[in-house]
Amino acid sequence: MTYFILYFFGIASIWWVYRVGWTEALKTMISVLIPSILIILFNVKAGRLIFKNPAVGIISVLPTAIFIYRGSKPIVFGLNNWIDRKRNEFVDQKEVVEAEVVSGDEA
């Protein structure tokens, strides 16, 4: 079942890259993965240390997820801006030569 899920997400990510391009797909994946990883790591660590009762742990997952999601927004925003800056630096390079295409009939 794990391989099926990984296969599905692999195909979905390839389709997403094809649909919107590398940079937008990377920015979307970063926007989803960073908060998700931080939420999972926090709940695993805090669940072992703080919550001895499973009911308290389940109830506290939603508020901690909201706080961690909002707390991770500056990190995600900074990474997305860095990706945009790198893409704009590549586009604005002086070595890029603009050319006009002329068809054979017009020449």
PDB file of N, CA and C in Angstrom:
ATOM      1  N   MET A   1       0.827  -1.198   0.000  1.00  0.00           N
ATOM      2  CA  MET A   1       0.000   0.000   0.000  1.00  0.00           C
ATOM      3  C   MET A   1       0.869   1.260   0.000  1.00  0.00           C
ATOM      4  N   THR A   2       1.987   1.205   0.705  1.00  0.00           N
ATOM      5  CA  THR A   2       2.882   2.356   0.741  1.00  0.00           C
ATOM      6  C   THR A   2       3.439   2.643  -0.646  1.00  0.00           C
ATOM      7  N   TYR A   3       3.807   1.583  -1.389  1.00  0.00           N
ATOM      8  CA  TYR A   3       4.327   1.784  -2.732  1.00  0.00           C
ATOM      9  C   TYR A   3       3.274   2.381  -3.654  1.00  0.00           C
ATOM     10  N   PHE A   4       2.025   1.983  -3.475  1.00  0.00           N
ATOM     11  CA  PHE A   4       0.949   2.551  -4.288  1.00  0.00           C
ATOM     12  C   PHE A   4       0.803   4.047  -4.017  1.00  0.00           C
ATOM     13  N   ILE A   5       0.862   4.432  -2.752  1.00  0.00           N
ATOM     14  CA  ILE A   5       0.741   5.852  -2.404  1.00  0.00           C
ATOM     15  C   ILE A   5       1.917   6.641  -2.963  1.00  0.00           C
ATOM     16  N   LEU A   6       3.138   6.111  -2.809  1.00  0.00           N
ATOM     17  CA  LEU A   6       4.314   6.786  -3.367  1.00  0.00           C
ATOM     18  C   LEU A   6       4.234   6.878  -4.886  1.00  0.00           C
ATOM     19  N   TYR A   7       3.775   5.818  -5.535  1.00  0.00           N
ATOM     20  CA  TYR A   7       3.600   5.823  -6.979  1.00  0.00           C
ATOM     21  C   TYR A   7       2.582   6.879  -7.397  1.00  0.00           C
ATOM     22  N   PHE A   8       1.466   6.943  -6.682  1.00  0.00           N
ATOM     23  CA  PHE A   8       0.436   7.924  -6.987  1.00  0.00           C
ATOM     24  C   PHE A   8       0.961   9.350  -6.838  1.00  0.00           C
ATOM     25  N   PHE A   9       1.679   9.633  -5.737  1.00  0.00           N
ATOM     26  CA  PHE A   9       2.217  10.972  -5.538  1.00  0.00           C
ATOM     27  C   PHE A   9       3.317  11.289  -6.544  1.00  0.00           C
ATOM     28  N   GLY A  10       4.077  10.300  -6.960  1.00  0.00           N
ATOM     29  CA  GLY A  10       5.090  10.516  -8.003  1.00  0.00           C
ATOM     30  C   GLY A  10       4.457  10.899  -9.323  1.00  0.00           C
ATOM     31  N   ILE A  11       3.431  10.182  -9.728  1.00  0.00           N
ATOM     32  CA  ILE A  11       2.722  10.492 -10.973  1.00  0.00           C
ATOM     33  C   ILE A  11       2.041  11.856 -10.870  1.00  0.00           C
ATOM     34  N   ALA A  12       1.432  12.138  -9.721  1.00  0.00           N
ATOM     35  CA  ALA A  12       0.768  13.428  -9.535  1.00  0.00           C
ATOM     36  C   ALA A  12       1.773  14.577  -9.588  1.00  0.00           C
ATOM     37  N   SER A  13       2.954  14.397  -9.013  1.00  0.00           N
ATOM     38  CA  SER A  13       3.945  15.477  -9.044  1.00  0.00           C
ATOM     39  C   SER A  13       4.497  15.672 -10.450  1.00  0.00           C
ATOM     40  N   ILE A  14       4.693  14.597 -11.207  1.00  0.00           N
ATOM     41  CA  ILE A  14       5.135  14.739 -12.598  1.00  0.00           C
ATOM     42  C   ILE A  14       4.089  15.478 -13.412  1.00  0.00           C
ATOM     43  N   TRP A  15       2.826  15.135 -13.218  1.00  0.00           N
ATOM     44  CA  TRP A  15       1.753  15.835 -13.932  1.00  0.00           C
ATOM     45  C   TRP A  15       1.714  17.304 -13.534  1.00  0.00           C
ATOM     46  N   TRP A  16       1.897  17.597 -12.234  1.00  0.00           N
ATOM     47  CA  TRP A  16       1.857  18.981 -11.760  1.00  0.00           C
ATOM     48  C   TRP A  16       3.007  19.793 -12.351  1.00  0.00           C
ATOM     49  N   VAL A  17       4.198  19.204 -12.437  1.00  0.00           N
ATOM     50  CA  VAL A  17       5.343  19.891 -13.042  1.00  0.00           C
ATOM     51  C   VAL A  17       5.058  20.150 -14.516  1.00  0.00           C
ATOM     52  N   TYR A  18       4.487  19.195 -15.201  1.00  0.00           N
ATOM     53  CA  TYR A  18       4.144  19.375 -16.607  1.00  0.00           C
ATOM     54  C   TYR A  18       3.111  20.482 -16.786  1.00  0.00           C
ATOM     55  N   ARG A  19       2.183  20.563 -15.865  1.00  0.00           N
ATOM     56  CA  ARG A  19       1.069  21.505 -15.974  1.00  0.00           C
ATOM     57  C   ARG A  19       1.481  22.949 -15.685  1.00  0.00           C
ATOM     58  N   VAL A  20       2.261  23.187 -14.626  1.00  0.00           N
ATOM     59  CA  VAL A  20       2.548  24.562 -14.211  1.00  0.00           C
ATOM     60  C   VAL A  20       4.013  24.951 -14.334  1.00  0.00           C
ATOM     61  N   GLY A  21       4.905  24.011 -14.538  1.00  0.00           N
ATOM     62  CA  GLY A  21       6.323  24.333 -14.655  1.00  0.00           C
ATOM     63  C   GLY A  21       7.075  23.992 -13.374  1.00  0.00           C
ATOM     64  N   TRP A  22       8.415  23.935 -13.495  1.00  0.00           N
ATOM     65  CA  TRP A  22       9.260  23.521 -12.375  1.00  0.00           C
ATOM     66  C   TRP A  22       9.161  24.444 -11.178  1.00  0.00           C
ATOM     67  N   THR A  23       9.265  25.734 -11.416  1.00  0.00           N
ATOM     68  CA  THR A  23       9.347  26.656 -10.279  1.00  0.00           C
ATOM     69  C   THR A  23       8.040  26.731  -9.505  1.00  0.00           C
ATOM     70  N   GLU A  24       6.930  26.792 -10.201  1.00  0.00           N
ATOM     71  CA  GLU A  24       5.639  26.848  -9.506  1.00  0.00           C
ATOM     72  C   GLU A  24       5.352  25.548  -8.776  1.00  0.00           C
ATOM     73  N   ALA A  25       5.709  24.422  -9.384  1.00  0.00           N
ATOM     74  CA  ALA A  25       5.505  23.134  -8.723  1.00  0.00           C
ATOM     75  C   ALA A  25       6.394  23.023  -7.490  1.00  0.00           C
ATOM     76  N   LEU A  26       7.638  23.492  -7.586  1.00  0.00           N
ATOM     77  CA  LEU A  26       8.538  23.460  -6.436  1.00  0.00           C
ATOM     78  C   LEU A  26       8.019  24.346  -5.316  1.00  0.00           C
ATOM     79  N   LYS A  27       7.526  25.527  -5.661  1.00  0.00           N
ATOM     80  CA  LYS A  27       6.984  26.430  -4.650  1.00  0.00           C
ATOM     81  C   LYS A  27       5.755  25.820  -3.976  1.00  0.00           C
ATOM     82  N   THR A  28       4.907  25.150  -4.720  1.00  0.00           N
ATOM     83  CA  THR A  28       3.729  24.514  -4.145  1.00  0.00           C
ATOM     84  C   THR A  28       4.125  23.360  -3.232  1.00  0.00           C
ATOM     85  N   MET A  29       5.092  22.559  -3.670  1.00  0.00           N
ATOM     86  CA  MET A  29       5.534  21.442  -2.845  1.00  0.00           C
ATOM     87  C   MET A  29       6.174  21.930  -1.551  1.00  0.00           C
ATOM     88  N   ILE A  30       6.937  23.007  -1.622  1.00  0.00           N
ATOM     89  CA  ILE A  30       7.539  23.583  -0.419  1.00  0.00           C
ATOM     90  C   ILE A  30       6.450  24.099   0.511  1.00  0.00           C
ATOM     91  N   SER A  31       5.438  24.743  -0.062  1.00  0.00           N
ATOM     92  CA  SER A  31       4.342  25.288   0.748  1.00  0.00           C
ATOM     93  C   SER A  31       3.560  24.202   1.482  1.00  0.00           C
ATOM     94  N   VAL A  32       3.558  23.004   0.943  1.00  0.00           N
ATOM     95  CA  VAL A  32       2.836  21.900   1.579  1.00  0.00           C
ATOM     96  C   VAL A  32       3.749  21.093   2.497  1.00  0.00           C
ATOM     97  N   LEU A  33       4.958  20.803   2.041  1.00  0.00           N
ATOM     98  CA  LEU A  33       5.828  19.885   2.782  1.00  0.00           C
ATOM     99  C   LEU A  33       6.415  20.473   4.061  1.00  0.00           C
ATOM    100  N   ILE A  34       6.847  21.726   4.045  1.00  0.00           N
ATOM    101  CA  ILE A  34       7.492  22.295   5.235  1.00  0.00           C
ATOM    102  C   ILE A  34       6.537  22.332   6.433  1.00  0.00           C
ATOM    103  N   PRO A  35       5.323  22.894   6.305  1.00  0.00           N
ATOM    104  CA  PRO A  35       4.425  22.851   7.470  1.00  0.00           C
ATOM    105  C   PRO A  35       4.045  21.426   7.876  1.00  0.00           C
ATOM    106  N   SER A  36       3.854  20.549   6.907  1.00  0.00           N
ATOM    107  CA  SER A  36       3.463  19.172   7.231  1.00  0.00           C
ATOM    108  C   SER A  36       4.562  18.460   8.013  1.00  0.00           C
ATOM    109  N   ILE A  37       5.796  18.601   7.572  1.00  0.00           N
ATOM    110  CA  ILE A  37       6.910  17.950   8.263  1.00  0.00           C
ATOM    111  C   ILE A  37       7.074  18.518   9.671  1.00  0.00           C
ATOM    112  N   LEU A  38       6.970  19.846   9.805  1.00  0.00           N
ATOM    113  CA  LEU A  38       7.098  20.448  11.129  1.00  0.00           C
ATOM    114  C   LEU A  38       5.977  20.009  12.068  1.00  0.00           C
ATOM    115  N   ILE A  39       4.759  19.908  11.566  1.00  0.00           N
ATOM    116  CA  ILE A  39       3.622  19.469  12.384  1.00  0.00           C
ATOM    117  C   ILE A  39       3.821  18.021  12.830  1.00  0.00           C
ATOM    118  N   ILE A  40       4.244  17.157  11.917  1.00  0.00           N
ATOM    119  CA  ILE A  40       4.452  15.754  12.258  1.00  0.00           C
ATOM    120  C   ILE A  40       5.567  15.609  13.283  1.00  0.00           C
ATOM    121  N   LEU A  41       6.692  16.310  13.056  1.00  0.00           N
ATOM    122  CA  LEU A  41       7.808  16.211  14.002  1.00  0.00           C
ATOM    123  C   LEU A  41       7.426  16.709  15.391  1.00  0.00           C
ATOM    124  N   PHE A  42       6.729  17.835  15.441  1.00  0.00           N
ATOM    125  CA  PHE A  42       6.336  18.368  16.743  1.00  0.00           C
ATOM    126  C   PHE A  42       5.394  17.426  17.466  1.00  0.00           C
ATOM    127  N   ASN A  43       4.394  16.910  16.764  1.00  0.00           N
ATOM    128  CA  ASN A  43       3.417  16.040  17.423  1.00  0.00           C
ATOM    129  C   ASN A  43       4.030  14.723  17.869  1.00  0.00           C
ATOM    130  N   VAL A  44       5.005  14.220  17.134  1.00  0.00           N
ATOM    131  CA  VAL A  44       5.666  12.990  17.574  1.00  0.00           C
ATOM    132  C   VAL A  44       6.487  13.247  18.825  1.00  0.00           C
ATOM    133  N   LYS A  45       7.277  14.333  18.806  1.00  0.00           N
ATOM    134  CA  LYS A  45       8.113  14.638  19.973  1.00  0.00           C
ATOM    135  C   LYS A  45       7.275  15.041  21.186  1.00  0.00           C
ATOM    136  N   ALA A  46       6.310  15.919  20.994  1.00  0.00           N
ATOM    137  CA  ALA A  46       5.483  16.383  22.111  1.00  0.00           C
ATOM    138  C   ALA A  46       4.570  15.277  22.617  1.00  0.00           C
ATOM    139  N   GLY A  47       4.122  14.419  21.731  1.00  0.00           N
ATOM    140  CA  GLY A  47       3.252  13.325  22.142  1.00  0.00           C
ATOM    141  C   GLY A  47       3.947  12.370  23.094  1.00  0.00           C
ATOM    142  N   ARG A  48       5.215  12.180  22.883  1.00  0.00           N
ATOM    143  CA  ARG A  48       5.962  11.290  23.774  1.00  0.00           C
ATOM    144  C   ARG A  48       6.253  11.955  25.114  1.00  0.00           C
ATOM    145  N   LEU A  49       6.522  13.242  25.095  1.00  0.00           N
ATOM    146  CA  LEU A  49       6.936  13.922  26.319  1.00  0.00           C
ATOM    147  C   LEU A  49       5.775  14.435  27.157  1.00  0.00           C
ATOM    148  N   ILE A  50       4.807  15.077  26.518  1.00  0.00           N
ATOM    149  CA  ILE A  50       3.773  15.792  27.256  1.00  0.00           C
ATOM    150  C   ILE A  50       2.520  14.955  27.479  1.00  0.00           C
ATOM    151  N   PHE A  51       2.029  14.325  26.438  1.00  0.00           N
ATOM    152  CA  PHE A  51       0.710  13.717  26.491  1.00  0.00           C
ATOM    153  C   PHE A  51       0.807  12.236  26.865  1.00  0.00           C
ATOM    154  N   LYS A  52       0.518  11.939  28.090  1.00  0.00           N
ATOM    155  CA  LYS A  52       0.477  10.538  28.521  1.00  0.00           C
ATOM    156  C   LYS A  52      -0.875   9.918  28.180  1.00  0.00           C
ATOM    157  N   ASN A  53      -1.891  10.772  28.076  1.00  0.00           N
ATOM    158  CA  ASN A  53      -3.233  10.322  27.749  1.00  0.00           C
ATOM    159  C   ASN A  53      -3.453  10.521  26.244  1.00  0.00           C
ATOM    160  N   PRO A  54      -3.799   9.476  25.479  1.00  0.00           N
ATOM    161  CA  PRO A  54      -3.997   9.622  24.029  1.00  0.00           C
ATOM    162  C   PRO A  54      -5.117  10.591  23.664  1.00  0.00           C
ATOM    163  N   ALA A  55      -6.158  10.702  24.491  1.00  0.00           N
ATOM    164  CA  ALA A  55      -7.265  11.616  24.188  1.00  0.00           C
ATOM    165  C   ALA A  55      -6.789  13.068  24.201  1.00  0.00           C
ATOM    166  N   VAL A  56      -5.948  13.414  25.158  1.00  0.00           N
ATOM    167  CA  VAL A  56      -5.409  14.781  25.216  1.00  0.00           C
ATOM    168  C   VAL A  56      -4.535  15.044  24.000  1.00  0.00           C
ATOM    169  N   GLY A  57      -3.778  14.054  23.589  1.00  0.00           N
ATOM    170  CA  GLY A  57      -2.932  14.210  22.403  1.00  0.00           C
ATOM    171  C   GLY A  57      -3.739  14.423  21.137  1.00  0.00           C
ATOM    172  N   ILE A  58      -4.826  13.690  20.973  1.00  0.00           N
ATOM    173  CA  ILE A  58      -5.670  13.829  19.786  1.00  0.00           C
ATOM    174  C   ILE A  58      -6.354  15.194  19.781  1.00  0.00           C
ATOM    175  N   ILE A  59      -6.832  15.642  20.933  1.00  0.00           N
ATOM    176  CA  ILE A  59      -7.497  16.944  21.011  1.00  0.00           C
ATOM    177  C   ILE A  59      -6.518  18.086  20.742  1.00  0.00           C
ATOM    178  N   SER A  60      -5.278  17.940  21.153  1.00  0.00           N
ATOM    179  CA  SER A  60      -4.316  19.030  21.021  1.00  0.00           C
ATOM    180  C   SER A  60      -3.651  19.084  19.650  1.00  0.00           C
ATOM    181  N   VAL A  61      -3.894  18.120  18.788  1.00  0.00           N
ATOM    182  CA  VAL A  61      -3.248  18.117  17.472  1.00  0.00           C
ATOM    183  C   VAL A  61      -3.715  19.301  16.638  1.00  0.00           C
ATOM    184  N   LEU A  62      -4.985  19.592  16.606  1.00  0.00           N
ATOM    185  CA  LEU A  62      -5.494  20.677  15.766  1.00  0.00           C
ATOM    186  C   LEU A  62      -4.966  22.041  16.175  1.00  0.00           C
ATOM    187  N   PRO A  63      -5.010  22.433  17.448  1.00  0.00           N
ATOM    188  CA  PRO A  63      -4.452  23.747  17.794  1.00  0.00           C
ATOM    189  C   PRO A  63      -2.951  23.858  17.523  1.00  0.00           C
ATOM    190  N   THR A  64      -2.198  22.804  17.818  1.00  0.00           N
ATOM    191  CA  THR A  64      -0.758  22.876  17.542  1.00  0.00           C
ATOM    192  C   THR A  64      -0.497  22.923  16.050  1.00  0.00           C
ATOM    193  N   ALA A  65      -1.304  22.222  15.262  1.00  0.00           N
ATOM    194  CA  ALA A  65      -1.131  22.267  13.807  1.00  0.00           C
ATOM    195  C   ALA A  65      -1.385  23.668  13.279  1.00  0.00           C
ATOM    196  N   ILE A  66      -2.382  24.349  13.808  1.00  0.00           N
ATOM    197  CA  ILE A  66      -2.675  25.717  13.361  1.00  0.00           C
ATOM    198  C   ILE A  66      -1.533  26.651  13.722  1.00  0.00           C
ATOM    199  N   PHE A  67      -1.015  26.543  14.951  1.00  0.00           N
ATOM    200  CA  PHE A  67       0.092  27.411  15.366  1.00  0.00           C
ATOM    201  C   PHE A  67       1.354  27.137  14.557  1.00  0.00           C
ATOM    202  N   ILE A  68       1.663  25.879  14.325  1.00  0.00           N
ATOM    203  CA  ILE A  68       2.864  25.549  13.562  1.00  0.00           C
ATOM    204  C   ILE A  68       2.709  25.974  12.110  1.00  0.00           C
ATOM    205  N   TYR A  69       1.519  25.802  11.543  1.00  0.00           N
ATOM    206  CA  TYR A  69       1.287  26.236  10.157  1.00  0.00           C
ATOM    207  C   TYR A  69       1.497  27.743  10.023  1.00  0.00           C
ATOM    208  N   ARG A  70       0.937  28.505  10.943  1.00  0.00           N
ATOM    209  CA  ARG A  70       1.109  29.961  10.886  1.00  0.00           C
ATOM    210  C   ARG A  70       2.536  30.368  11.200  1.00  0.00           C
ATOM    211  N   GLY A  71       3.196  29.626  12.071  1.00  0.00           N
ATOM    212  CA  GLY A  71       4.580  29.923  12.399  1.00  0.00           C
ATOM    213  C   GLY A  71       5.543  29.592  11.272  1.00  0.00           C
ATOM    214  N   SER A  72       5.179  28.638  10.409  1.00  0.00           N
ATOM    215  CA  SER A  72       6.054  28.257   9.302  1.00  0.00           C
ATOM    216  C   SER A  72       5.845  29.111   8.055  1.00  0.00           C
ATOM    217  N   LYS A  73       4.853  29.976   8.066  1.00  0.00           N
ATOM    218  CA  LYS A  73       4.611  30.828   6.897  1.00  0.00           C
ATOM    219  C   LYS A  73       5.806  31.709   6.534  1.00  0.00           C
ATOM    220  N   PRO A  74       6.502  32.334   7.495  1.00  0.00           N
ATOM    221  CA  PRO A  74       7.674  33.137   7.101  1.00  0.00           C
ATOM    222  C   PRO A  74       8.779  32.314   6.440  1.00  0.00           C
ATOM    223  N   ILE A  75       8.977  31.086   6.886  1.00  0.00           N
ATOM    224  CA  ILE A  75       9.991  30.229   6.268  1.00  0.00           C
ATOM    225  C   ILE A  75       9.596  29.902   4.830  1.00  0.00           C
ATOM    226  N   VAL A  76       8.346  29.517   4.636  1.00  0.00           N
ATOM    227  CA  VAL A  76       7.858  29.183   3.300  1.00  0.00           C
ATOM    228  C   VAL A  76       7.904  30.415   2.399  1.00  0.00           C
ATOM    229  N   PHE A  77       7.477  31.565   2.937  1.00  0.00           N
ATOM    230  CA  PHE A  77       7.491  32.805   2.162  1.00  0.00           C
ATOM    231  C   PHE A  77       8.920  33.168   1.755  1.00  0.00           C
ATOM    232  N   GLY A  78       9.866  33.014   2.665  1.00  0.00           N
ATOM    233  CA  GLY A  78      11.262  33.318   2.363  1.00  0.00           C
ATOM    234  C   GLY A  78      11.832  32.402   1.295  1.00  0.00           C
ATOM    235  N   LEU A  79      11.544  31.107   1.381  1.00  0.00           N
ATOM    236  CA  LEU A  79      12.025  30.175   0.357  1.00  0.00           C
ATOM    237  C   LEU A  79      11.398  30.451  -1.001  1.00  0.00           C
ATOM    238  N   ASN A  80      10.107  30.747  -1.027  1.00  0.00           N
ATOM    239  CA  ASN A  80       9.456  31.062  -2.295  1.00  0.00           C
ATOM    240  C   ASN A  80      10.002  32.355  -2.904  1.00  0.00           C
ATOM    241  N   ASN A  81      10.292  33.358  -2.082  1.00  0.00           N
ATOM    242  CA  ASN A  81      10.904  34.587  -2.602  1.00  0.00           C
ATOM    243  C   ASN A  81      12.301  34.329  -3.133  1.00  0.00           C
ATOM    244  N   TRP A  82      13.067  33.462  -2.452  1.00  0.00           N
ATOM    245  CA  TRP A  82      14.405  33.133  -2.922  1.00  0.00           C
ATOM    246  C   TRP A  82      14.339  32.443  -4.285  1.00  0.00           C
ATOM    247  N   ILE A  83      13.370  31.537  -4.459  1.00  0.00           N
ATOM    248  CA  ILE A  83      13.199  30.858  -5.750  1.00  0.00           C
ATOM    249  C   ILE A  83      12.840  31.876  -6.829  1.00  0.00           C
ATOM    250  N   ASP A  84      11.935  32.818  -6.516  1.00  0.00           N
ATOM    251  CA  ASP A  84      11.567  33.847  -7.487  1.00  0.00           C
ATOM    252  C   ASP A  84      12.753  34.737  -7.854  1.00  0.00           C
ATOM    253  N   ARG A  85      13.564  35.113  -6.848  1.00  0.00           N
ATOM    254  CA  ARG A  85      14.737  35.945  -7.130  1.00  0.00           C
ATOM    255  C   ARG A  85      15.729  35.223  -8.033  1.00  0.00           C
ATOM    256  N   LYS A  86      15.960  33.948  -7.770  1.00  0.00           N
ATOM    257  CA  LYS A  86      16.883  33.176  -8.603  1.00  0.00           C
ATOM    258  C   LYS A  86      16.358  33.052 -10.027  1.00  0.00           C
ATOM    259  N   ARG A  87      15.050  32.865 -10.164  1.00  0.00           N
ATOM    260  CA  ARG A  87      14.469  32.761 -11.505  1.00  0.00           C
ATOM    261  C   ARG A  87      14.581  34.089 -12.234  1.00  0.00           C
ATOM    262  N   ASN A  88      14.352  35.207 -11.536  1.00  0.00           N
ATOM    263  CA  ASN A  88      14.460  36.523 -12.168  1.00  0.00           C
ATOM    264  C   ASN A  88      15.901  36.870 -12.507  1.00  0.00           C
ATOM    265  N   GLU A  89      16.856  36.450 -11.687  1.00  0.00           N
ATOM    266  CA  GLU A  89      18.262  36.687 -12.001  1.00  0.00           C
ATOM    267  C   GLU A  89      18.657  35.935 -13.256  1.00  0.00           C
ATOM    268  N   PHE A  90      18.129  34.739 -13.434  1.00  0.00           N
ATOM    269  CA  PHE A  90      18.442  33.959 -14.627  1.00  0.00           C
ATOM    270  C   PHE A  90      17.853  34.610 -15.871  1.00  0.00           C
ATOM    271  N   VAL A  91      16.646  35.144 -15.758  1.00  0.00           N
ATOM    272  CA  VAL A  91      15.990  35.772 -16.903  1.00  0.00           C
ATOM    273  C   VAL A  91      16.676  37.083 -17.264  1.00  0.00           C
ATOM    274  N   ASP A  92      17.178  37.829 -16.275  1.00  0.00           N
ATOM    275  CA  ASP A  92      17.775  39.136 -16.515  1.00  0.00           C
ATOM    276  C   ASP A  92      19.265  39.087 -16.830  1.00  0.00           C
ATOM    277  N   GLN A  93      19.814  37.937 -17.149  1.00  0.00           N
ATOM    278  CA  GLN A  93      21.235  37.845 -17.442  1.00  0.00           C
ATOM    279  C   GLN A  93      21.564  38.606 -18.713  1.00  0.00           C
ATOM    280  N   LYS A  94      22.775  39.197 -18.744  1.00  0.00           N
ATOM    281  CA  LYS A  94      23.189  39.981 -19.902  1.00  0.00           C
ATOM    282  C   LYS A  94      23.656  39.095 -21.047  1.00  0.00           C
ATOM    283  N   GLU A  95      23.979  37.845 -20.792  1.00  0.00           N
ATOM    284  CA  GLU A  95      24.443  36.953 -21.850  1.00  0.00           C
ATOM    285  C   GLU A  95      23.299  36.439 -22.725  1.00  0.00           C
ATOM    286  N   VAL A  96      22.069  36.686 -22.326  1.00  0.00           N
ATOM    287  CA  VAL A  96      20.922  36.224 -23.087  1.00  0.00           C
ATOM    288  C   VAL A  96      20.728  37.144 -24.279  1.00  0.00           C
ATOM    289  N   VAL A  97      20.634  36.552 -25.456  1.00  0.00           N
ATOM    290  CA  VAL A  97      20.463  37.312 -26.683  1.00  0.00           C
ATOM    291  C   VAL A  97      19.036  37.118 -27.159  1.00  0.00           C
ATOM    292  N   GLU A  98      18.353  38.231 -27.377  1.00  0.00           N
ATOM    293  CA  GLU A  98      17.001  38.145 -27.903  1.00  0.00           C
ATOM    294  C   GLU A  98      17.070  38.130 -29.424  1.00  0.00           C
ATOM    295  N   ALA A  99      16.314  37.255 -30.009  1.00  0.00           N
ATOM    296  CA  ALA A  99      16.320  37.129 -31.469  1.00  0.00           C
ATOM    297  C   ALA A  99      14.892  37.176 -31.978  1.00  0.00           C
ATOM    298  N   GLU A 100      14.766  37.681 -33.192  1.00  0.00           N
ATOM    299  CA  GLU A 100      13.458  37.739 -33.818  1.00  0.00           C
ATOM    300  C   GLU A 100      13.413  36.672 -34.890  1.00  0.00           C
ATOM    301  N   VAL A 101      12.324  35.939 -34.937  1.00  0.00           N
ATOM    302  CA  VAL A 101      12.182  34.862 -35.894  1.00  0.00           C
ATOM    303  C   VAL A 101      11.553  35.416 -37.165  1.00  0.00           C
ATOM    304  N   VAL A 102      12.212  35.152 -38.274  1.00  0.00           N
ATOM    305  CA  VAL A 102      11.703  35.598 -39.569  1.00  0.00           C
ATOM    306  C   VAL A 102      11.447  34.357 -40.402  1.00  0.00           C
ATOM    307  N   SER A 103      10.244  34.253 -40.939  1.00  0.00           N
ATOM    308  CA  SER A 103       9.928  33.090 -41.751  1.00  0.00           C
ATOM    309  C   SER A 103      10.609  33.178 -43.114  1.00  0.00           C
ATOM    310  N   GLY A 104      10.690  32.068 -43.808  1.00  0.00           N
ATOM    311  CA  GLY A 104      11.359  32.026 -45.098  1.00  0.00           C
ATOM    312  C   GLY A 104      10.629  32.836 -46.163  1.00  0.00           C
ATOM    313  N   ASP A 105       9.323  32.991 -46.047  1.00  0.00           N
ATOM    314  CA  ASP A 105       8.551  33.772 -47.020  1.00  0.00           C
ATOM    315  C   ASP A 105       8.837  35.255 -46.929  1.00  0.00           C
ATOM    316  N   GLU A 106       9.112  35.738 -45.715  1.00  0.00           N
ATOM    317  CA  GLU A 106       9.341  37.168 -45.522  1.00  0.00           C
ATOM    318  C   GLU A 106      10.752  37.578 -45.920  1.00  0.00           C
ATOM    319  N   ALA A 107      11.675  36.655 -45.954  1.00  0.00           N
ATOM    320  CA  ALA A 107      13.077  36.988 -46.230  1.00  0.00           C
ATOM    321  C   ALA A 107      13.368  37.222 -47.652  1.00  0.00           C
TER     322      ALA A 107
END
